Each structure stands twice: as C-alpha cells, then as structure tokens.
Amino acid sequence: MGGATPREADRRKREPAGHAQVRVRVHELAHALGVGYEQFGRARAEVIVDKVTFVVCRAVGLRVDGESVPYVAGWGEHGALDAVLEFAETIDATARRLEDALIEPTGADGEAAAA
C-alpha cells in the first residue's frame, strides 16, 4: 500500500479498488436526479444522496459501507438521522430510478429480457 497513512490503508481494506469510483459516480447521479442543495440544504442533500448511493451500490453487489457509514456520520451533527427518516421516500424513489437503469431485468428463465 505504499506510503498510505493508516487511515487511508484502513479505508482501502474496507472498500475494494474501483468501488470508490463507482460510489462517487452514483452519488453524483443522485444529485443529478434532483437531490440538490437548493431543495434540501447541503447537509440533508449529502445525507440523502449518500444513502441512495449505499442502497444502489449494495443492489449491484458493491461494498461501500466502509465509506458511506462514516460519511453520513460526519453529517450527524447536522441532522443526518432526521434527514434519513424524513426523506426515506425520496431516498427509496431515487435509488429505484438508478437501480432500474443499472440492473438489467431478467425473465423467468434467468435470461436478460429483450429491450
């Protein structure tokens, strides 16, 4: 791990290489789908999009909890838990939109459905 700090080395153990890039892109896509600072305020928007990111990444088999949990906890003093509870429907709806775009539906036989 080269000259990585202990904190960076720990983060790398928790989140496999490549997952961080996907996590960041999903996070930004959630913002692009309308979860912005203007509507929710910065702290709440960041909590919402990170919970969306967590749900979507887990749905496609990526482990991002090593980054997501501390990230949201860092917003805790700004009402992170309240944001998750208050905007659960927004989190779910946004996550479903991204999941639908990322996960190809399969038929009853397990084959990908024709587009």
Protein backbone atom coordinates (compact mmCIF):
# COMPACT_ATOMS: atom_id res chain seq x y z
CA MET A 1 0.00 0.00 0.00
CA GLY A 2 2.98 2.24 -0.41
CA GLY A 3 3.14 5.38 1.68
CA ALA A 4 -0.52 5.37 2.63
CA THR A 5 -1.47 6.74 6.00
CA PRO A 6 -3.02 4.27 8.47
CA ARG A 7 -6.43 5.87 7.86
CA GLU A 8 -6.08 5.55 4.06
CA ALA A 9 -4.87 1.95 4.37
CA ASP A 10 -7.89 1.15 6.55
CA ARG A 11 -10.24 2.74 4.00
CA ARG A 12 -8.68 0.68 1.22
CA LYS A 13 -9.31 -2.51 3.19
CA ARG A 14 -12.96 -1.59 3.67
CA GLU A 15 -13.68 -0.53 0.09
CA PRO A 16 -12.14 -2.53 -2.76
CA ALA A 17 -10.37 -0.68 -5.57
CA GLY A 18 -12.77 0.62 -8.17
CA HIS A 19 -15.74 0.70 -5.82
CA ALA A 20 -14.85 4.23 -4.75
CA GLN A 21 -15.08 5.49 -8.33
CA VAL A 22 -18.46 3.85 -8.83
CA ARG A 23 -19.65 5.18 -5.47
CA VAL A 24 -18.72 8.74 -6.41
CA ARG A 25 -20.46 8.48 -9.78
CA VAL A 26 -23.65 7.07 -8.26
CA HIS A 27 -23.52 9.84 -5.63
CA GLU A 28 -23.30 12.48 -8.37
CA LEU A 29 -26.07 10.82 -10.40
CA ALA A 30 -28.35 11.04 -7.37
CA HIS A 31 -27.66 14.78 -7.25
CA ALA A 32 -28.38 14.98 -10.99
CA LEU A 33 -31.76 13.31 -10.42
CA GLY A 34 -32.85 16.29 -8.36
CA VAL A 35 -31.39 15.92 -4.89
CA GLY A 36 -29.80 19.35 -4.73
CA TYR A 37 -28.68 21.84 -2.14
CA GLU A 38 -31.33 24.35 -3.16
CA GLN A 39 -34.19 22.00 -2.34
CA PHE A 40 -32.83 20.17 0.70
CA GLY A 41 -29.91 22.23 2.01
CA ARG A 42 -26.32 20.97 1.75
CA ALA A 43 -26.20 18.67 4.78
CA ARG A 44 -29.52 16.95 4.09
CA ALA A 45 -28.84 16.62 0.35
CA GLU A 46 -25.49 14.96 1.07
CA VAL A 47 -27.08 12.51 3.51
CA ILE A 48 -29.89 11.70 1.06
CA VAL A 49 -27.58 11.08 -1.90
CA ASP A 50 -25.19 9.03 0.18
CA LYS A 51 -27.98 6.78 1.40
CA VAL A 52 -29.14 6.44 -2.22
CA THR A 53 -25.56 5.57 -3.14
CA PHE A 54 -25.37 2.95 -0.40
CA VAL A 55 -28.63 1.30 -1.48
CA VAL A 56 -27.77 1.29 -5.19
CA CYS A 57 -24.22 0.06 -4.73
CA ARG A 58 -25.34 -2.76 -2.44
CA ALA A 59 -28.02 -3.73 -5.00
CA VAL A 60 -25.31 -4.32 -7.61
CA GLY A 61 -23.02 -6.11 -5.17
CA LEU A 62 -20.58 -3.36 -4.23
CA ARG A 63 -19.44 -2.93 -0.64
CA VAL A 64 -19.31 0.79 0.14
CA ASP A 65 -20.31 0.77 3.80
CA GLY A 66 -16.71 1.48 4.81
CA GLU A 67 -17.08 4.92 3.26
CA SER A 68 -20.81 5.51 3.50
CA VAL A 69 -21.27 4.98 7.22
CA PRO A 70 -18.50 7.41 8.30
CA TYR A 71 -19.57 9.92 5.63
CA VAL A 72 -23.15 10.08 6.89
CA ALA A 73 -21.99 10.01 10.50
CA GLY A 74 -19.91 13.09 9.71
CA TRP A 75 -23.11 14.93 8.86
CA GLY A 76 -24.74 13.69 12.08
CA GLU A 77 -24.45 16.97 13.88
CA HIS A 78 -26.43 18.48 11.03
CA GLY A 79 -29.44 16.19 11.44
CA ALA A 80 -28.37 13.16 9.40
CA LEU A 81 -30.74 10.74 11.11
CA ASP A 82 -33.61 13.19 10.80
CA ALA A 83 -32.85 13.55 7.08
CA VAL A 84 -32.83 9.80 6.54
CA LEU A 85 -36.15 9.40 8.33
CA GLU A 86 -37.81 12.46 6.83
CA PHE A 87 -36.70 11.74 3.27
CA ALA A 88 -36.94 7.94 3.23
CA GLU A 89 -39.39 8.07 0.32
CA THR A 90 -37.07 10.34 -1.66
CA ILE A 91 -34.13 8.03 -0.92
CA ASP A 92 -36.12 4.98 -2.00
CA ALA A 93 -37.54 6.57 -5.18
CA THR A 94 -34.17 7.92 -6.29
CA ALA A 95 -32.42 4.62 -5.54
CA ARG A 96 -35.06 2.72 -7.53
CA ARG A 97 -34.55 5.02 -10.55
CA LEU A 98 -30.82 4.37 -10.51
CA GLU A 99 -31.22 0.64 -9.87
CA ASP A 100 -33.66 0.37 -12.77
CA ALA A 101 -31.08 2.00 -15.03
CA LEU A 102 -28.21 -0.19 -13.80
CA ILE A 103 -29.79 -3.59 -13.32
CA GLU A 104 -30.99 -5.31 -16.46
CA PRO A 105 -34.30 -7.07 -15.88
CA THR A 106 -34.30 -10.80 -16.37
CA GLY A 107 -37.07 -13.10 -17.47
CA ALA A 108 -38.37 -16.12 -15.59
CA ASP A 109 -35.67 -18.28 -17.19
CA GLY A 110 -32.90 -16.02 -15.87
CA GLU A 111 -32.08 -14.66 -19.31
CA ALA A 112 -31.88 -10.93 -19.89
CA ALA A 113 -35.15 -9.52 -21.12
CA ALA A 114 -35.17 -8.22 -24.69
CA ALA A 115 -35.00 -4.47 -24.98
